Amino acid sequence: MTVLTRHTGSDPRQEPAPEPAPDVDLDTVDLDTVDLFDPGLHADGDPHRIWAHLRRAAPLHRQTLPDGRNFASVTRYHDVRRVLSDSRAFTSERGSLLDQLGHGDEAAGQMMVSTDPPDHAALRRPLQHALQRNALEAARPRIRAAARAVLAPAADGRPFDLVTAALDFPMTFTGALMGIPEQDWPDLVRWTSMAASPEDPGFQIRNRHATLAIAHHELFSYFTEQTAARPDGSGDLLDLLAGLGSRAKTVYNCYSLLLGANATTPHAFTGTVLALLEHPDQLAEARRHPELVPSLVEEGLRWTSPASSFLRHAVEDVELEGGVLRKGEAVAAWVGSANRDETVFQEAARFDLRRTGNRHITFGAGAHYCLGAILARIALNELFTELLGRLEHLEPAGPVRRLRSNFIAGLGSMPVAMTLRPTGPQG
């Protein structure tokens, strides 16, 4: 989930130095033709290969689009972390997504993801207590039931698309926490998917612009109606958001909270399952040692990095490891690249469920650290506990299709054949 407690622990720079970056053939990537803006690269190409090259050869890479818009990209762990955590040097109020480049953000100053401190803290404050671990423990039975629903298609013995099965997963508990009527959940899943990946053929209607316009209209209209008709004192997340001071702030942040949940958590799950299929030794290890589920979840979050990039603008000249960003310059911070930085993670290109010191920045850093991180971790732990506790057989059942998006790193389709042991009498 891209929108819960702040990451703590020692500075990652204090870890023993991992291996140096592997040799990369500098002729294999033409810096003049690298187009990280192109959603097609992230669907059909190999962004990790390009990022590995950029980390070594061009850790501050500048790109100009055909329409004249331009932006820089940072790909090293410490640079990405700095851009995301230093709200004094980098602002979110000119857009937080790469697709907003050159257009700005009409929700600036009103939506958490597009507001800088100190105003940002005022928008987060109403939800912080409700999304702490102790407050969320009561939601575990609902999350467990949602996990079983994801795996239910395996019961008839036929292959099924795990991506489709997982798409509704976060809505079934986030919707309940927000106080959204259950009959509305399918529409909200579809609209948030359209908003997060408007270029993807699985969600697109006519074209990217029409898809975004439809999704935003439906979501904003829905939350405007919901918040206007709600009784006071319900105590759910919509009720808490209604206290932000204006209808616009309430609606924008309902949208942001739900988008963050629906657009990322399913992809962390399905991307981790794909990694296990691609690394059968790790799948066997996970099945033998259920106590490793929390570690598996963290490695899956690092490996998948479902919210792959965030946009910021420099408010002053800033010197980074990769070079100097100029005042006013737009910069894309590539989380997916940072989480595979060979100078920070031992054997970064290896999926390792026993990885220790896993200081991934999948949930961001600093003031904008993901508000829903604790909920996402609880949900993923429940889902993998359910899967691995019942799994008898798992194999691919068709080609995998990746999402066409420069924001969400995820899967559009992943057919699997799965056999599970039945649940117990209390299941």
Protein backbone atom coordinates (compact mmCIF):
# COMPACT_ATOMS: atom_id res chain seq x y z
CA MET A 1 0.00 0.00 0.00
CA THR A 2 1.48 3.29 -0.97
CA VAL A 3 -0.24 5.52 1.30
CA LEU A 4 2.58 3.32 8.48
CA THR A 5 5.07 3.74 11.10
CA ARG A 6 8.29 5.47 10.28
CA HIS A 7 11.18 3.20 9.32
CA THR A 8 13.67 3.01 12.17
CA GLY A 9 17.03 1.43 12.64
CA SER A 10 20.62 2.34 12.04
CA ASP A 11 21.75 4.33 9.04
CA PRO A 12 22.11 1.94 6.10
CA ARG A 13 25.52 3.50 5.47
CA GLN A 14 26.70 1.76 8.63
CA GLU A 15 26.22 -1.72 7.17
CA PRO A 16 29.27 -3.66 5.99
CA ALA A 17 29.93 -2.66 2.40
CA PRO A 18 28.22 -5.07 0.01
CA GLU A 19 29.85 -6.19 -3.18
CA PRO A 20 30.69 -3.52 -5.74
CA ALA A 21 28.41 -3.07 -8.70
CA PRO A 22 28.91 -5.88 -11.20
CA ASP A 23 30.57 -5.14 -14.48
CA VAL A 24 28.09 -3.79 -16.98
CA ASP A 25 28.77 -3.63 -20.66
CA LEU A 26 28.56 0.09 -21.24
CA ASP A 27 27.74 -0.52 -24.89
CA THR A 28 24.56 -2.41 -24.08
CA VAL A 29 22.57 0.69 -23.08
CA ASP A 30 22.48 3.83 -25.22
CA LEU A 31 22.00 6.73 -22.81
CA ASP A 32 20.70 8.92 -25.63
CA THR A 33 17.75 6.61 -26.23
CA VAL A 34 16.89 5.64 -22.64
CA ASP A 35 13.23 6.57 -22.11
CA LEU A 36 12.19 5.90 -18.53
CA PHE A 37 9.00 7.91 -19.10
CA ASP A 38 7.69 5.35 -21.60
CA PRO A 39 5.21 2.95 -19.93
CA GLY A 40 6.03 0.44 -22.64
CA LEU A 41 9.58 0.10 -21.33
CA HIS A 42 8.24 -1.03 -17.96
CA ALA A 43 5.80 -3.48 -19.58
CA ASP A 44 7.86 -4.98 -22.38
CA GLY A 45 11.46 -3.95 -21.69
CA ASP A 46 13.93 -4.53 -18.88
CA PRO A 47 14.06 -1.46 -16.62
CA HIS A 48 16.26 -3.26 -14.09
CA ARG A 49 18.97 -3.75 -16.71
CA ILE A 50 18.79 -0.07 -17.62
CA TRP A 51 18.76 1.04 -13.98
CA ALA A 52 21.83 -1.11 -13.25
CA HIS A 53 23.63 0.66 -16.09
CA LEU A 54 22.50 4.09 -14.90
CA ARG A 55 23.58 3.44 -11.30
CA ARG A 56 27.10 2.88 -12.58
CA ALA A 57 27.42 5.14 -15.61
CA ALA A 58 24.84 7.93 -15.19
CA PRO A 59 23.33 8.03 -11.68
CA LEU A 60 21.88 11.46 -12.47
CA HIS A 61 20.37 11.04 -15.92
CA ARG A 62 18.52 13.81 -17.76
CA GLN A 63 15.87 13.21 -20.38
CA THR A 64 13.88 15.54 -22.66
CA LEU A 65 10.52 14.36 -24.00
CA PRO A 66 9.42 15.04 -27.59
CA ASP A 67 7.10 17.82 -26.35
CA GLY A 68 10.00 19.63 -24.63
CA ARG A 69 9.31 18.59 -21.05
CA ASN A 70 12.39 17.36 -19.25
CA PHE A 71 13.31 15.67 -16.01
CA ALA A 72 16.24 14.09 -14.23
CA SER A 73 16.30 10.54 -12.88
CA VAL A 74 18.13 9.30 -9.80
CA THR A 75 18.73 5.58 -9.49
CA ARG A 76 21.14 5.06 -6.57
CA TYR A 77 19.75 4.14 -3.16
CA HIS A 78 21.13 7.09 -1.20
CA ASP A 79 20.11 9.61 -3.85
CA VAL A 80 16.56 8.21 -4.06
CA ARG A 81 16.28 8.18 -0.28
CA ARG A 82 17.52 11.79 -0.10
CA VAL A 83 15.06 13.00 -2.72
CA LEU A 84 12.13 11.31 -0.99
CA SER A 85 13.06 12.28 2.58
CA ASP A 86 14.38 15.85 2.29
CA SER A 87 11.19 17.89 2.06
CA ARG A 88 13.08 21.15 2.47
CA ALA A 89 15.17 20.59 -0.63
CA PHE A 90 12.53 18.77 -2.70
CA THR A 91 8.86 19.68 -2.98
CA SER A 92 5.91 17.39 -3.72
CA GLU A 93 3.57 20.29 -4.45
CA ARG A 94 4.28 20.43 -8.19
CA GLY A 95 3.23 16.82 -8.70
CA SER A 96 4.27 13.54 -7.12
CA LEU A 97 3.82 11.27 -10.17
CA LEU A 98 5.88 11.31 -13.35
CA ASP A 99 2.75 11.67 -15.47
CA GLN A 100 2.15 15.04 -13.79
CA LEU A 101 5.40 16.40 -15.21
CA GLY A 102 4.81 19.89 -16.57
CA HIS A 103 1.15 19.90 -15.53
CA GLY A 104 1.35 20.46 -11.79
CA ASP A 105 -1.14 19.10 -9.29
CA GLU A 106 -4.45 20.81 -8.59
CA ALA A 107 -4.58 18.98 -5.25
CA ALA A 108 -1.32 20.57 -4.04
CA GLY A 109 -1.66 21.67 -0.43
CA GLN A 110 -4.83 19.60 0.00
CA MET A 111 -3.80 15.97 -0.59
CA MET A 112 -1.17 14.27 1.60
CA VAL A 113 1.01 13.06 -1.25
CA SER A 114 1.19 16.53 -2.80
CA THR A 115 1.68 18.61 0.33
CA ASP A 116 4.95 19.49 2.06
CA PRO A 117 5.62 19.78 5.80
CA PRO A 118 4.42 21.28 8.04
CA ASP A 119 0.97 21.22 6.37
CA HIS A 120 1.53 17.58 5.40
CA ALA A 121 1.57 16.52 9.08
CA ALA A 122 -1.79 18.16 9.70
CA LEU A 123 -3.35 16.07 6.92
CA ARG A 124 -1.81 12.81 8.22
CA ARG A 125 -2.58 13.37 11.88
CA PRO A 126 -6.25 12.29 11.92
CA LEU A 127 -5.38 8.86 10.48
CA GLN A 128 -2.17 8.04 12.30
CA HIS A 129 -3.69 6.50 15.44
CA ALA A 130 -6.29 4.53 13.45
CA LEU A 131 -3.54 3.00 11.28
CA GLN A 132 -1.17 1.99 14.07
CA ARG A 133 -0.58 -1.72 14.68
CA ASN A 134 -2.60 -1.97 17.92
CA ALA A 135 -5.61 -0.34 16.28
CA LEU A 136 -5.39 -2.65 13.26
CA GLU A 137 -5.21 -5.96 15.13
CA ALA A 138 -9.01 -6.15 15.21
CA ALA A 139 -9.00 -6.23 11.40
CA ARG A 140 -6.98 -9.49 11.21
CA PRO A 141 -10.01 -11.85 10.92
CA ARG A 142 -11.36 -9.82 8.01
CA ILE A 143 -7.92 -9.76 6.36
CA ARG A 144 -7.58 -13.53 6.82
CA ALA A 145 -10.98 -14.05 5.20
CA ALA A 146 -9.92 -11.79 2.34
CA ALA A 147 -6.74 -13.86 1.91
CA ARG A 148 -8.82 -17.04 1.61
CA ALA A 149 -10.98 -15.36 -1.00
CA VAL A 150 -7.90 -14.61 -3.12
CA LEU A 151 -7.02 -18.32 -3.11
CA ALA A 152 -10.60 -19.60 -3.50
CA PRO A 153 -10.39 -20.03 -7.33
CA ALA A 154 -7.87 -22.85 -6.76
CA ALA A 155 -10.64 -25.01 -5.31
CA ASP A 156 -12.04 -26.16 -8.64
CA GLY A 157 -8.67 -27.46 -9.81
CA ARG A 158 -8.50 -25.36 -12.97
CA PRO A 159 -5.84 -22.72 -13.76
CA PHE A 160 -6.81 -19.15 -12.88
CA ASP A 161 -5.34 -15.67 -13.13
CA LEU A 162 -3.79 -14.85 -9.77
CA VAL A 163 -3.63 -11.15 -10.65
CA THR A 164 -7.40 -10.99 -11.18
CA ALA A 165 -7.99 -12.96 -7.97
CA ALA A 166 -5.77 -10.59 -5.94
CA LEU A 167 -7.09 -7.33 -7.34
CA ASP A 168 -9.96 -7.05 -4.82
CA PHE A 169 -7.83 -8.11 -1.84
CA PRO A 170 -7.05 -4.72 -0.22
CA MET A 171 -10.52 -3.35 -0.90
CA THR A 172 -12.14 -5.98 1.31
CA PHE A 173 -10.48 -4.66 4.44
CA THR A 174 -9.55 -1.09 3.49
CA GLY A 175 -13.12 -0.52 2.33
CA ALA A 176 -14.42 -1.80 5.65
CA LEU A 177 -11.98 0.38 7.61
CA MET A 178 -13.04 3.40 5.59
CA GLY A 179 -16.75 2.66 6.06
CA ILE A 180 -17.46 2.21 2.35
CA PRO A 181 -20.56 0.12 1.50
CA GLU A 182 -19.58 -3.33 0.24
CA GLN A 183 -21.73 -3.12 -2.87
CA ASP A 184 -19.52 -0.25 -4.07
CA TRP A 185 -16.20 -2.07 -3.73
CA PRO A 186 -15.98 -3.54 -7.27
CA ASP A 187 -16.48 -0.12 -8.89
CA LEU A 188 -13.86 1.46 -6.64
CA VAL A 189 -11.34 -1.26 -7.47
CA ARG A 190 -11.88 -0.68 -11.18
CA TRP A 191 -11.65 3.13 -10.93
CA THR A 192 -8.51 3.13 -8.78
CA SER A 193 -6.86 0.65 -11.17
CA MET A 194 -7.70 2.96 -14.06
CA ALA A 195 -6.26 5.95 -12.21
CA ALA A 196 -3.02 4.16 -11.32
CA SER A 197 -2.38 2.52 -14.72
CA PRO A 198 -4.25 4.49 -17.40
CA GLU A 199 -1.96 3.20 -20.17
CA ASP A 200 -2.54 -0.47 -19.38
CA PRO A 201 -4.82 -2.29 -21.86
CA GLY A 202 -6.51 -4.11 -18.98
CA PHE A 203 -7.88 -0.83 -17.63
CA GLN A 204 -7.75 1.69 -20.47
CA ILE A 205 -10.92 3.13 -21.96
CA ARG A 206 -10.27 4.64 -25.42
CA ASN A 207 -6.97 6.30 -24.45
CA ARG A 208 -4.89 7.38 -21.46
CA HIS A 209 -6.51 10.82 -21.11
CA ALA A 210 -10.06 9.48 -21.29
CA THR A 211 -9.23 6.75 -18.78
CA LEU A 212 -7.85 9.24 -16.26
CA ALA A 213 -10.74 11.64 -16.78
CA ILE A 214 -13.33 8.91 -16.22
CA ALA A 215 -11.52 7.46 -13.19
CA HIS A 216 -11.04 10.83 -11.50
CA HIS A 217 -14.60 11.95 -12.20
CA GLU A 218 -16.07 8.73 -10.80
CA LEU A 219 -13.84 8.64 -7.72
CA PHE A 220 -14.17 12.29 -6.81
CA SER A 221 -17.94 12.25 -7.40
CA TYR A 222 -18.28 9.10 -5.31
CA PHE A 223 -16.37 10.45 -2.32
CA THR A 224 -18.13 13.80 -2.55
CA GLU A 225 -21.48 12.01 -2.26
CA GLN A 226 -20.28 9.66 0.46
CA THR A 227 -18.86 12.35 2.69
CA ALA A 228 -21.89 14.60 2.23
CA ALA A 229 -24.34 11.89 3.31
CA ARG A 230 -22.45 10.44 6.26
CA PRO A 231 -23.69 10.64 9.85
CA ASP A 232 -21.31 12.19 12.33
CA GLY A 233 -19.40 10.01 14.77
CA SER A 234 -19.15 6.77 12.81
CA GLY A 235 -15.50 6.44 13.84
CA ASP A 236 -14.29 4.95 10.53
CA LEU A 237 -11.55 6.42 8.33
CA LEU A 238 -14.00 8.45 6.24
CA ASP A 239 -15.27 10.02 9.44
CA LEU A 240 -11.72 10.89 10.46
CA LEU A 241 -10.95 12.34 7.05
CA ALA A 242 -14.11 14.44 7.24
CA GLY A 243 -12.36 16.39 10.00
CA LEU A 244 -9.69 17.80 7.70
CA GLY A 245 -11.49 21.12 7.39
CA SER A 246 -12.82 21.22 3.84
CA ARG A 247 -14.75 18.95 1.53
CA ALA A 248 -11.96 19.15 -1.06
CA LYS A 249 -9.33 17.93 1.41
CA THR A 250 -11.59 15.10 2.53
CA VAL A 251 -12.33 13.94 -1.01
CA TYR A 252 -8.74 14.21 -2.24
CA ASN A 253 -7.41 12.22 0.70
CA CYS A 254 -10.10 9.54 0.47
CA TYR A 255 -8.97 9.12 -3.13
CA SER A 256 -5.28 9.05 -2.19
CA LEU A 257 -5.72 6.54 0.63
CA LEU A 258 -7.74 4.12 -1.47
CA LEU A 259 -5.54 4.48 -4.54
CA GLY A 260 -2.46 3.70 -2.48
CA ALA A 261 -4.04 0.55 -1.07
CA ASN A 262 -5.64 -0.85 -4.21
CA ALA A 263 -2.89 -0.02 -6.67
CA THR A 264 0.10 -1.53 -4.89
CA THR A 265 -0.63 -4.28 -2.35
CA PRO A 266 -1.94 -6.82 -4.91
CA HIS A 267 1.18 -6.32 -7.02
CA ALA A 268 3.48 -6.89 -4.07
CA PHE A 269 1.74 -10.23 -3.57
CA THR A 270 1.61 -11.42 -7.16
CA GLY A 271 5.12 -10.17 -7.93
CA THR A 272 6.47 -12.07 -4.93
CA VAL A 273 4.65 -15.24 -6.04
CA LEU A 274 6.25 -14.82 -9.46
CA ALA A 275 9.66 -14.47 -7.80
CA LEU A 276 9.03 -17.71 -5.87
CA LEU A 277 8.10 -19.49 -9.11
CA GLU A 278 11.28 -18.18 -10.72
CA HIS A 279 13.34 -19.25 -7.68
CA PRO A 280 12.01 -22.74 -6.78
CA ASP A 281 14.64 -23.17 -4.07
CA GLN A 282 13.17 -20.14 -2.30
CA LEU A 283 9.63 -21.46 -2.67
CA ALA A 284 10.70 -24.79 -1.14
CA GLU A 285 12.44 -22.94 1.70
CA ALA A 286 9.36 -20.82 2.38
CA ARG A 287 7.16 -23.93 2.53
CA ARG A 288 9.53 -25.70 4.93
CA HIS A 289 9.89 -22.70 7.23
CA PRO A 290 6.61 -20.80 7.77
CA GLU A 291 8.38 -18.68 10.40
CA LEU A 292 10.15 -16.97 7.48
CA VAL A 293 6.94 -15.37 6.18
CA PRO A 294 7.77 -11.91 7.64
CA SER A 295 11.19 -12.03 5.99
CA LEU A 296 9.61 -13.23 2.74
CA VAL A 297 7.22 -10.28 2.82
CA GLU A 298 10.08 -7.81 3.27
CA GLU A 299 12.12 -9.37 0.48
CA GLY A 300 9.03 -9.39 -1.72
CA LEU A 301 8.50 -5.70 -1.03
CA ARG A 302 12.11 -4.96 -1.95
CA TRP A 303 12.01 -7.14 -5.03
CA THR A 304 8.71 -5.90 -6.45
CA SER A 305 8.84 -2.20 -5.40
CA PRO A 306 5.27 -1.77 -6.66
CA ALA A 307 5.32 2.03 -6.42
CA SER A 308 8.29 2.28 -8.73
CA SER A 309 8.79 6.03 -9.06
CA PHE A 310 7.91 9.35 -7.46
CA LEU A 311 8.32 12.86 -8.81
CA ARG A 312 9.80 15.80 -6.91
CA HIS A 313 11.09 19.28 -7.82
CA ALA A 314 14.27 20.76 -6.38
CA VAL A 315 13.63 23.99 -4.47
CA GLU A 316 17.36 24.80 -4.44
CA ASP A 317 20.53 23.49 -6.03
CA VAL A 318 21.21 20.10 -4.43
CA GLU A 319 24.38 18.04 -4.63
CA LEU A 320 23.74 14.29 -4.75
CA GLU A 321 26.05 11.31 -5.21
CA GLY A 322 25.23 11.34 -8.90
CA GLY A 323 25.65 15.06 -9.52
CA VAL A 324 23.98 18.42 -8.95
CA LEU A 325 20.25 18.97 -9.37
CA ARG A 326 19.43 22.53 -10.29
CA LYS A 327 16.81 24.67 -8.56
CA GLY A 328 13.39 24.08 -10.12
CA GLU A 329 14.44 20.87 -11.86
CA ALA A 330 12.02 17.93 -11.90
CA VAL A 331 13.48 14.66 -10.66
CA ALA A 332 12.10 11.11 -10.79
CA ALA A 333 13.24 8.99 -7.86
CA TRP A 334 13.26 5.33 -9.01
CA VAL A 335 12.47 3.21 -5.96
CA GLY A 336 12.69 0.01 -7.97
CA SER A 337 16.28 0.84 -8.84
CA ALA A 338 17.25 1.94 -5.32
CA ASN A 339 16.03 -1.38 -3.91
CA ARG A 340 18.45 -3.27 -6.19
CA ASP A 341 21.47 -1.02 -5.52
CA GLU A 342 24.49 -3.33 -5.34
CA THR A 343 26.35 -0.99 -3.00
CA VAL A 344 23.65 -1.28 -0.34
CA PHE A 345 22.18 -4.78 -0.65
CA GLN A 346 24.34 -7.91 -0.65
CA GLU A 347 23.67 -9.84 -3.86
CA ALA A 348 21.02 -7.29 -4.75
CA ALA A 349 19.98 -9.13 -7.90
CA ARG A 350 19.21 -12.30 -5.93
CA PHE A 351 15.79 -13.00 -4.39
CA ASP A 352 16.64 -14.15 -0.86
CA LEU A 353 13.90 -14.71 1.69
CA ARG A 354 16.55 -15.02 4.43
CA ARG A 355 17.96 -11.57 3.69
CA THR A 356 18.93 -9.64 6.82
CA GLY A 357 19.30 -5.89 7.24
CA ASN A 358 16.71 -5.40 4.50
CA ARG A 359 16.38 -1.61 4.54
CA HIS A 360 14.32 -1.31 1.38
CA ILE A 361 12.54 1.96 0.75
CA THR A 362 9.44 0.51 -0.87
CA PHE A 363 7.27 2.56 1.50
CA GLY A 364 9.29 5.72 0.90
CA ALA A 365 11.21 7.77 3.45
CA GLY A 366 10.85 10.87 5.59
CA ALA A 367 7.64 12.77 6.15
CA HIS A 368 5.94 11.02 3.23
CA TYR A 369 6.68 7.52 4.53
CA CYS A 370 3.67 5.41 3.57
CA LEU A 371 0.75 5.90 5.94
CA GLY A 372 -0.56 2.43 5.12
CA ALA A 373 2.69 0.47 5.57
CA ILE A 374 1.64 -1.36 8.75
CA LEU A 375 -1.69 -2.38 7.21
CA ALA A 376 0.07 -3.55 4.05
CA ARG A 377 2.54 -5.64 6.05
CA ILE A 378 -0.23 -7.25 8.13
CA ALA A 379 -2.21 -8.02 4.98
CA LEU A 380 0.74 -9.53 3.10
CA ASN A 381 1.78 -11.60 6.12
CA GLU A 382 -1.74 -13.01 6.43
CA LEU A 383 -1.93 -13.74 2.70
CA PHE A 384 1.41 -15.56 2.53
CA THR A 385 0.70 -17.42 5.77
CA GLU A 386 -2.54 -18.67 4.22
CA LEU A 387 -0.91 -19.55 0.91
CA LEU A 388 2.17 -21.34 2.25
CA GLY A 389 0.25 -23.07 5.03
CA ARG A 390 -2.05 -24.78 2.51
CA LEU A 391 0.04 -25.00 -0.65
CA GLU A 392 0.54 -28.43 -2.21
CA HIS A 393 1.39 -27.48 -5.78
CA LEU A 394 2.02 -24.26 -7.73
CA GLU A 395 3.18 -23.76 -11.29
CA PRO A 396 2.76 -21.24 -14.11
CA ALA A 397 -0.16 -21.89 -16.43
CA GLY A 398 0.43 -19.30 -19.14
CA PRO A 399 2.45 -16.22 -20.10
CA VAL A 400 2.91 -13.39 -17.62
CA ARG A 401 1.94 -9.89 -18.74
CA ARG A 402 3.39 -6.85 -16.98
CA LEU A 403 1.49 -3.63 -16.36
CA ARG A 404 2.02 -0.80 -18.81
CA SER A 405 2.86 1.96 -16.32
CA ASN A 406 5.78 4.18 -15.32
CA PHE A 407 4.37 4.40 -11.78
CA ILE A 408 3.13 0.95 -10.77
CA ALA A 409 5.53 -1.95 -11.23
CA GLY A 410 3.17 -4.88 -11.32
CA LEU A 411 1.57 -7.63 -13.32
CA GLY A 412 -1.41 -7.38 -15.63
CA SER A 413 -1.92 -11.15 -15.78
CA MET A 414 -0.33 -14.29 -14.31
CA PRO A 415 -2.17 -17.59 -14.91
CA VAL A 416 -1.27 -20.28 -12.37
CA ALA A 417 -2.19 -23.85 -11.56
CA MET A 418 -2.50 -24.23 -7.80
CA THR A 419 -3.50 -27.02 -5.45
CA LEU A 420 -4.29 -26.22 -1.83
CA ARG A 421 -5.18 -28.24 1.21
CA PRO A 422 -8.69 -27.40 2.42
CA THR A 423 -9.11 -25.10 5.38
CA GLY A 424 -10.01 -26.52 8.77
CA PRO A 425 -13.50 -26.58 10.26
CA GLN A 426 -13.09 -23.02 11.49
CA GLY A 427 -11.97 -21.81 8.05
